[in-house]
Amino acid sequence: MAASSPVHFTGIPFAALDFYEDLEADNSKSFWSAHKHVYDASVRPPMAALADALAEEFGAAKLFRPYRDVRFSKDKTPYKTHQGAFVGTAPGTGYYAQIDASGLMVAGGFYAASPSQLARLRATIDDDVRGPELEALVSRVRAAGLEVSGNRLKTKPRGYAADHPRIELLRHRSLTAGVSFGSPEWLKTPEAVDHVRDTWRTLSPLVEWLTQVLQELPE
């Protein structure tokens, strides 16, 4: 049997956003069972098609499962209220796109790091050549209109001076940049892929820098 062809991306229907708005109001198995056909038609297939349209340039994306892992969480609601797609370039690092009730969000960076990765990152930021490279890349994505964020220490990391010239970067335990587009009319058209592609291209120098530092080292 011949392999099925990738579905051509035609846009993210607003029915996907409506689905998540309703799921936020009733995050229950009964709601999910009654409306899973909407997810199966208007959420996952368009996001898979979006990922396929970008795969040649950025790599294959993982589409996250809709079910929450509630084993260690006080919040026992069973379903995620968003659909994400992630192209990994190193552990915890890569490009991200998400739809939820508010619309489309596109981002990139590193979302999690092991202690050894974080130590390697901070040593690189401390370096007087590589550290300013990251400063310049972060400034560049900010100038392009993207918001820089991430989990940060409130104080200095151990072993670094509080007056370090790059102390703000050293505090990061994750470092991401992105933009929330909301729900413009182009979201439900093929033009949406261009906005994701352009944003990921803007993020590429930052993601590539982080990938070089955070990728797994050969044993």
C-alpha atoms as a PDB file:
ATOM      1  CA  MET A   1       0.000   0.000   0.000  1.00  0.00           C
ATOM      2  CA  ALA A   2       1.385   3.413  -0.941  1.00  0.00           C
ATOM      3  CA  ALA A   3       2.114   5.882   1.863  1.00  0.00           C
ATOM      4  CA  SER A   4      -0.432   8.640   2.259  1.00  0.00           C
ATOM      5  CA  SER A   5       0.605  12.099   1.100  1.00  0.00           C
ATOM      6  CA  PRO A   6       0.991  14.931   3.639  1.00  0.00           C
ATOM      7  CA  VAL A   7      -2.126  17.053   4.036  1.00  0.00           C
ATOM      8  CA  HIS A   8      -1.738  20.483   2.442  1.00  0.00           C
ATOM      9  CA  PHE A   9      -1.897  23.275   5.017  1.00  0.00           C
ATOM     10  CA  THR A  10      -4.911  25.535   4.487  1.00  0.00           C
ATOM     11  CA  GLY A  11      -4.955  27.403   7.804  1.00  0.00           C
ATOM     12  CA  ILE A  12      -6.091  26.989  11.412  1.00  0.00           C
ATOM     13  CA  PRO A  13      -9.901  27.140  11.539  1.00  0.00           C
ATOM     14  CA  PHE A  14     -11.432  29.308  14.215  1.00  0.00           C
ATOM     15  CA  ALA A  15     -13.335  26.193  15.275  1.00  0.00           C
ATOM     16  CA  ALA A  16     -10.063  25.118  16.924  1.00  0.00           C
ATOM     17  CA  LEU A  17     -10.002  28.262  19.069  1.00  0.00           C
ATOM     18  CA  ASP A  18     -13.677  27.850  19.943  1.00  0.00           C
ATOM     19  CA  PHE A  19     -12.989  24.249  20.940  1.00  0.00           C
ATOM     20  CA  TYR A  20     -10.340  25.325  23.456  1.00  0.00           C
ATOM     21  CA  GLU A  21     -12.490  28.152  24.790  1.00  0.00           C
ATOM     22  CA  ASP A  22     -15.223  25.624  25.526  1.00  0.00           C
ATOM     23  CA  LEU A  23     -12.718  23.137  26.964  1.00  0.00           C
ATOM     24  CA  GLU A  24     -11.438  25.792  29.382  1.00  0.00           C
ATOM     25  CA  ALA A  25     -15.008  26.165  30.633  1.00  0.00           C
ATOM     26  CA  ASP A  26     -15.661  22.411  30.883  1.00  0.00           C
ATOM     27  CA  ASN A  27     -12.462  20.370  31.130  1.00  0.00           C
ATOM     28  CA  SER A  28     -14.175  17.042  31.628  1.00  0.00           C
ATOM     29  CA  LYS A  29     -14.193  13.622  30.034  1.00  0.00           C
ATOM     30  CA  SER A  30     -17.840  14.036  29.093  1.00  0.00           C
ATOM     31  CA  PHE A  31     -17.150  17.275  27.199  1.00  0.00           C
ATOM     32  CA  TRP A  32     -14.118  15.732  25.491  1.00  0.00           C
ATOM     33  CA  SER A  33     -16.052  12.647  24.418  1.00  0.00           C
ATOM     34  CA  ALA A  34     -18.870  14.760  23.017  1.00  0.00           C
ATOM     35  CA  HIS A  35     -16.557  17.134  21.116  1.00  0.00           C
ATOM     36  CA  LYS A  36     -13.552  14.995  20.215  1.00  0.00           C
ATOM     37  CA  HIS A  37     -14.681  15.104  16.580  1.00  0.00           C
ATOM     38  CA  VAL A  38     -13.862  18.833  16.592  1.00  0.00           C
ATOM     39  CA  TYR A  39     -10.351  18.113  17.866  1.00  0.00           C
ATOM     40  CA  ASP A  40      -9.940  15.360  15.279  1.00  0.00           C
ATOM     41  CA  ALA A  41     -11.038  17.635  12.428  1.00  0.00           C
ATOM     42  CA  SER A  42     -10.089  21.204  13.342  1.00  0.00           C
ATOM     43  CA  VAL A  43      -7.170  21.007  15.794  1.00  0.00           C
ATOM     44  CA  ARG A  44      -4.717  18.178  15.263  1.00  0.00           C
ATOM     45  CA  PRO A  45      -4.843  17.816  11.438  1.00  0.00           C
ATOM     46  CA  PRO A  46      -4.224  21.541  10.731  1.00  0.00           C
ATOM     47  CA  MET A  47      -1.353  21.610  13.228  1.00  0.00           C
ATOM     48  CA  ALA A  48       0.119  18.463  11.688  1.00  0.00           C
ATOM     49  CA  ALA A  49      -0.171  20.036   8.231  1.00  0.00           C
ATOM     50  CA  LEU A  50       1.507  23.214   9.524  1.00  0.00           C
ATOM     51  CA  ALA A  51       4.373  21.147  10.909  1.00  0.00           C
ATOM     52  CA  ASP A  52       4.708  19.246   7.612  1.00  0.00           C
ATOM     53  CA  ALA A  53       4.880  22.529   5.681  1.00  0.00           C
ATOM     54  CA  LEU A  54       7.834  23.658   7.835  1.00  0.00           C
ATOM     55  CA  ALA A  55       9.649  20.335   8.175  1.00  0.00           C
ATOM     56  CA  GLU A  56      11.937  20.673   5.163  1.00  0.00           C
ATOM     57  CA  GLU A  57      13.501  23.856   6.549  1.00  0.00           C
ATOM     58  CA  PHE A  58      13.359  23.275  10.306  1.00  0.00           C
ATOM     59  CA  GLY A  59      12.979  19.531  10.822  1.00  0.00           C
ATOM     60  CA  ALA A  60      10.185  17.218  11.888  1.00  0.00           C
ATOM     61  CA  ALA A  61       7.951  18.418  14.700  1.00  0.00           C
ATOM     62  CA  LYS A  62       6.459  16.529  17.589  1.00  0.00           C
ATOM     63  CA  LEU A  63       2.770  17.195  18.210  1.00  0.00           C
ATOM     64  CA  PHE A  64       2.020  16.921  21.899  1.00  0.00           C
ATOM     65  CA  ARG A  65      -0.690  14.633  23.202  1.00  0.00           C
ATOM     66  CA  PRO A  66      -3.892  16.325  24.396  1.00  0.00           C
ATOM     67  CA  TYR A  67      -3.877  14.533  27.740  1.00  0.00           C
ATOM     68  CA  ARG A  68      -2.308  16.062  30.851  1.00  0.00           C
ATOM     69  CA  ASP A  69      -0.030  14.066  33.146  1.00  0.00           C
ATOM     70  CA  VAL A  70      -1.827  14.602  36.432  1.00  0.00           C
ATOM     71  CA  ARG A  71       0.093  12.069  38.543  1.00  0.00           C
ATOM     72  CA  PHE A  72       2.098  14.677  40.465  1.00  0.00           C
ATOM     73  CA  SER A  73      -0.153  17.708  39.991  1.00  0.00           C
ATOM     74  CA  LYS A  74      -2.756  19.223  42.270  1.00  0.00           C
ATOM     75  CA  ASP A  75      -4.636  20.237  39.128  1.00  0.00           C
ATOM     76  CA  LYS A  76      -6.441  17.078  38.041  1.00  0.00           C
ATOM     77  CA  THR A  77      -8.135  18.471  34.927  1.00  0.00           C
ATOM     78  CA  PRO A  78      -7.514  15.778  32.313  1.00  0.00           C
ATOM     79  CA  TYR A  79      -6.941  17.733  29.094  1.00  0.00           C
ATOM     80  CA  LYS A  80      -4.493  20.367  27.901  1.00  0.00           C
ATOM     81  CA  THR A  81      -6.148  23.623  26.836  1.00  0.00           C
ATOM     82  CA  HIS A  82      -3.740  24.113  23.933  1.00  0.00           C
ATOM     83  CA  GLN A  83      -2.141  22.145  21.109  1.00  0.00           C
ATOM     84  CA  GLY A  84       1.601  22.515  20.742  1.00  0.00           C
ATOM     85  CA  ALA A  85       4.112  21.480  18.104  1.00  0.00           C
ATOM     86  CA  PHE A  86       7.833  21.336  18.881  1.00  0.00           C
ATOM     87  CA  VAL A  87      10.881  20.937  16.649  1.00  0.00           C
ATOM     88  CA  GLY A  88      13.731  19.823  18.879  1.00  0.00           C
ATOM     89  CA  THR A  89      17.295  20.838  18.031  1.00  0.00           C
ATOM     90  CA  ALA A  90      18.902  19.794  21.335  1.00  0.00           C
ATOM     91  CA  PRO A  91      17.471  18.416  24.602  1.00  0.00           C
ATOM     92  CA  GLY A  92      14.846  20.911  25.795  1.00  0.00           C
ATOM     93  CA  THR A  93      15.728  23.281  22.946  1.00  0.00           C
ATOM     94  CA  GLY A  94      14.078  24.180  19.641  1.00  0.00           C
ATOM     95  CA  TYR A  95      11.158  25.832  17.868  1.00  0.00           C
ATOM     96  CA  TYR A  96       7.573  25.903  19.158  1.00  0.00           C
ATOM     97  CA  ALA A  97       4.110  26.794  17.869  1.00  0.00           C
ATOM     98  CA  GLN A  98       0.840  26.619  19.782  1.00  0.00           C
ATOM     99  CA  ILE A  99      -2.845  27.278  19.347  1.00  0.00           C
ATOM    100  CA  ASP A 100      -5.306  27.812  22.172  1.00  0.00           C
ATOM    101  CA  ALA A 101      -8.440  29.834  22.857  1.00  0.00           C
ATOM    102  CA  SER A 102      -6.584  33.107  22.296  1.00  0.00           C
ATOM    103  CA  GLY A 103      -5.070  32.105  18.947  1.00  0.00           C
ATOM    104  CA  LEU A 104      -1.542  31.411  17.710  1.00  0.00           C
ATOM    105  CA  MET A 105       1.709  31.715  19.663  1.00  0.00           C
ATOM    106  CA  VAL A 106       5.126  31.103  18.075  1.00  0.00           C
ATOM    107  CA  ALA A 107       8.398  30.827  20.007  1.00  0.00           C
ATOM    108  CA  GLY A 108      11.803  29.249  20.306  1.00  0.00           C
ATOM    109  CA  GLY A 109      14.682  28.811  22.712  1.00  0.00           C
ATOM    110  CA  PHE A 110      15.445  26.414  25.521  1.00  0.00           C
ATOM    111  CA  TYR A 111      12.618  25.368  27.783  1.00  0.00           C
ATOM    112  CA  ALA A 112      14.424  23.033  30.178  1.00  0.00           C
ATOM    113  CA  ALA A 113      18.001  22.084  30.943  1.00  0.00           C
ATOM    114  CA  SER A 114      19.775  19.485  33.041  1.00  0.00           C
ATOM    115  CA  PRO A 115      22.234  20.672  35.693  1.00  0.00           C
ATOM    116  CA  SER A 116      25.155  19.857  33.389  1.00  0.00           C
ATOM    117  CA  GLN A 117      23.564  21.728  30.485  1.00  0.00           C
ATOM    118  CA  LEU A 118      22.871  24.740  32.681  1.00  0.00           C
ATOM    119  CA  ALA A 119      26.441  24.755  33.981  1.00  0.00           C
ATOM    120  CA  ARG A 120      27.715  24.614  30.400  1.00  0.00           C
ATOM    121  CA  LEU A 121      25.420  27.454  29.365  1.00  0.00           C
ATOM    122  CA  ARG A 122      26.506  29.694  32.236  1.00  0.00           C
ATOM    123  CA  ALA A 123      30.169  29.013  31.554  1.00  0.00           C
ATOM    124  CA  THR A 124      29.594  30.033  27.944  1.00  0.00           C
ATOM    125  CA  ILE A 125      27.727  33.200  28.957  1.00  0.00           C
ATOM    126  CA  ASP A 126      30.632  33.995  31.298  1.00  0.00           C
ATOM    127  CA  ASP A 127      33.075  33.765  28.386  1.00  0.00           C
ATOM    128  CA  ASP A 128      34.014  37.225  27.129  1.00  0.00           C
ATOM    129  CA  VAL A 129      33.636  36.172  23.477  1.00  0.00           C
ATOM    130  CA  ARG A 130      30.651  33.830  23.493  1.00  0.00           C
ATOM    131  CA  GLY A 131      28.697  35.707  26.169  1.00  0.00           C
ATOM    132  CA  PRO A 132      28.433  38.956  24.181  1.00  0.00           C
ATOM    133  CA  GLU A 133      27.300  36.876  21.188  1.00  0.00           C
ATOM    134  CA  LEU A 134      24.245  35.765  23.159  1.00  0.00           C
ATOM    135  CA  GLU A 135      23.633  39.327  24.380  1.00  0.00           C
ATOM    136  CA  ALA A 136      23.580  40.527  20.768  1.00  0.00           C
ATOM    137  CA  LEU A 137      21.240  37.726  19.659  1.00  0.00           C
ATOM    138  CA  VAL A 138      18.784  38.463  22.478  1.00  0.00           C
ATOM    139  CA  SER A 139      18.865  42.169  21.625  1.00  0.00           C
ATOM    140  CA  ARG A 140      18.215  41.323  17.981  1.00  0.00           C
ATOM    141  CA  VAL A 141      15.077  39.287  18.650  1.00  0.00           C
ATOM    142  CA  ARG A 142      13.787  41.994  20.990  1.00  0.00           C
ATOM    143  CA  ALA A 143      14.352  44.584  18.256  1.00  0.00           C
ATOM    144  CA  ALA A 144      12.331  42.369  15.918  1.00  0.00           C
ATOM    145  CA  GLY A 145       9.352  42.693  18.277  1.00  0.00           C
ATOM    146  CA  LEU A 146       9.605  39.341  20.057  1.00  0.00           C
ATOM    147  CA  GLU A 147       9.228  39.028  23.811  1.00  0.00           C
ATOM    148  CA  VAL A 148      12.135  37.435  25.665  1.00  0.00           C
ATOM    149  CA  SER A 149      11.195  35.438  28.745  1.00  0.00           C
ATOM    150  CA  GLY A 150      12.043  32.340  30.748  1.00  0.00           C
ATOM    151  CA  ASN A 151      12.406  30.966  34.254  1.00  0.00           C
ATOM    152  CA  ARG A 152      15.015  33.008  36.120  1.00  0.00           C
ATOM    153  CA  LEU A 153      16.709  32.984  39.485  1.00  0.00           C
ATOM    154  CA  LYS A 154      15.797  35.931  41.704  1.00  0.00           C
ATOM    155  CA  THR A 155      19.392  36.158  42.856  1.00  0.00           C
ATOM    156  CA  LYS A 156      22.764  35.438  41.250  1.00  0.00           C
ATOM    157  CA  PRO A 157      23.720  31.845  40.436  1.00  0.00           C
ATOM    158  CA  ARG A 158      26.314  30.317  42.717  1.00  0.00           C
ATOM    159  CA  GLY A 159      29.871  31.085  41.655  1.00  0.00           C
ATOM    160  CA  TYR A 160      29.094  34.308  39.781  1.00  0.00           C
ATOM    161  CA  ALA A 161      29.388  37.887  40.989  1.00  0.00           C
ATOM    162  CA  ALA A 162      26.233  39.969  41.408  1.00  0.00           C
ATOM    163  CA  ASP A 163      27.831  42.704  39.288  1.00  0.00           C
ATOM    164  CA  HIS A 164      28.727  40.369  36.414  1.00  0.00           C
ATOM    165  CA  PRO A 165      28.179  42.275  33.128  1.00  0.00           C
ATOM    166  CA  ARG A 166      25.806  39.533  31.922  1.00  0.00           C
ATOM    167  CA  ILE A 167      24.169  38.704  35.245  1.00  0.00           C
ATOM    168  CA  GLU A 168      20.664  38.956  33.771  1.00  0.00           C
ATOM    169  CA  LEU A 169      21.455  36.216  31.253  1.00  0.00           C
ATOM    170  CA  LEU A 170      23.232  34.125  33.892  1.00  0.00           C
ATOM    171  CA  ARG A 171      20.048  34.071  35.979  1.00  0.00           C
ATOM    172  CA  HIS A 172      18.086  32.247  33.261  1.00  0.00           C
ATOM    173  CA  ARG A 173      17.117  28.631  33.936  1.00  0.00           C
ATOM    174  CA  SER A 174      15.232  28.724  30.645  1.00  0.00           C
ATOM    175  CA  LEU A 175      15.415  31.277  27.851  1.00  0.00           C
ATOM    176  CA  THR A 176      12.739  31.705  25.204  1.00  0.00           C
ATOM    177  CA  ALA A 177      11.550  34.356  22.806  1.00  0.00           C
ATOM    178  CA  GLY A 178       8.265  34.522  20.969  1.00  0.00           C
ATOM    179  CA  VAL A 179       5.180  36.375  19.883  1.00  0.00           C
ATOM    180  CA  SER A 180       1.456  35.910  20.446  1.00  0.00           C
ATOM    181  CA  PHE A 181      -0.378  36.680  17.220  1.00  0.00           C
ATOM    182  CA  GLY A 182      -3.894  36.239  18.588  1.00  0.00           C
ATOM    183  CA  SER A 183      -6.546  35.350  16.049  1.00  0.00           C
ATOM    184  CA  PRO A 184      -6.158  37.537  12.936  1.00  0.00           C
ATOM    185  CA  GLU A 185      -8.103  36.634   9.813  1.00  0.00           C
ATOM    186  CA  TRP A 186      -4.980  35.205   8.174  1.00  0.00           C
ATOM    187  CA  LEU A 187      -4.841  32.484  10.823  1.00  0.00           C
ATOM    188  CA  LYS A 188      -7.509  30.508   8.981  1.00  0.00           C
ATOM    189  CA  THR A 189      -5.697  30.828   5.634  1.00  0.00           C
ATOM    190  CA  PRO A 190      -2.506  29.310   4.162  1.00  0.00           C
ATOM    191  CA  GLU A 191      -0.790  32.624   4.987  1.00  0.00           C
ATOM    192  CA  ALA A 192      -0.451  31.459   8.606  1.00  0.00           C
ATOM    193  CA  VAL A 193       2.496  29.233   7.709  1.00  0.00           C
ATOM    194  CA  ASP A 194       4.406  32.282   6.438  1.00  0.00           C
ATOM    195  CA  HIS A 195       4.073  34.017   9.810  1.00  0.00           C
ATOM    196  CA  VAL A 196       5.321  30.938  11.662  1.00  0.00           C
ATOM    197  CA  ARG A 197       8.180  30.476   9.199  1.00  0.00           C
ATOM    198  CA  ASP A 198       9.237  34.137   9.385  1.00  0.00           C
ATOM    199  CA  THR A 199       9.199  34.061  13.188  1.00  0.00           C
ATOM    200  CA  TRP A 200      11.238  30.865  13.351  1.00  0.00           C
ATOM    201  CA  ARG A 201      13.721  32.349  10.872  1.00  0.00           C
ATOM    202  CA  THR A 202      14.085  35.391  13.119  1.00  0.00           C
ATOM    203  CA  LEU A 203      14.715  33.050  16.040  1.00  0.00           C
ATOM    204  CA  SER A 204      17.119  30.765  14.162  1.00  0.00           C
ATOM    205  CA  PRO A 205      20.402  32.483  15.167  1.00  0.00           C
ATOM    206  CA  LEU A 206      19.370  32.384  18.846  1.00  0.00           C
ATOM    207  CA  VAL A 207      18.160  28.778  18.657  1.00  0.00           C
ATOM    208  CA  GLU A 208      21.312  27.710  16.816  1.00  0.00           C
ATOM    209  CA  TRP A 209      23.540  29.375  19.426  1.00  0.00           C
ATOM    210  CA  LEU A 210      21.682  27.643  22.255  1.00  0.00           C
ATOM    211  CA  THR A 211      21.733  24.330  20.376  1.00  0.00           C
ATOM    212  CA  GLN A 212      25.521  24.448  20.059  1.00  0.00           C
ATOM    213  CA  VAL A 213      25.876  24.917  23.808  1.00  0.00           C
ATOM    214  CA  LEU A 214      23.093  22.616  25.048  1.00  0.00           C
ATOM    215  CA  GLN A 215      23.358  19.684  22.683  1.00  0.00           C
ATOM    216  CA  GLU A 216      24.384  16.344  24.152  1.00  0.00           C
ATOM    217  CA  LEU A 217      28.127  15.913  24.312  1.00  0.00           C
ATOM    218  CA  PRO A 218      29.689  12.696  22.930  1.00  0.00           C
ATOM    219  CA  GLU A 219      30.759  10.315  25.649  1.00  0.00           C
END
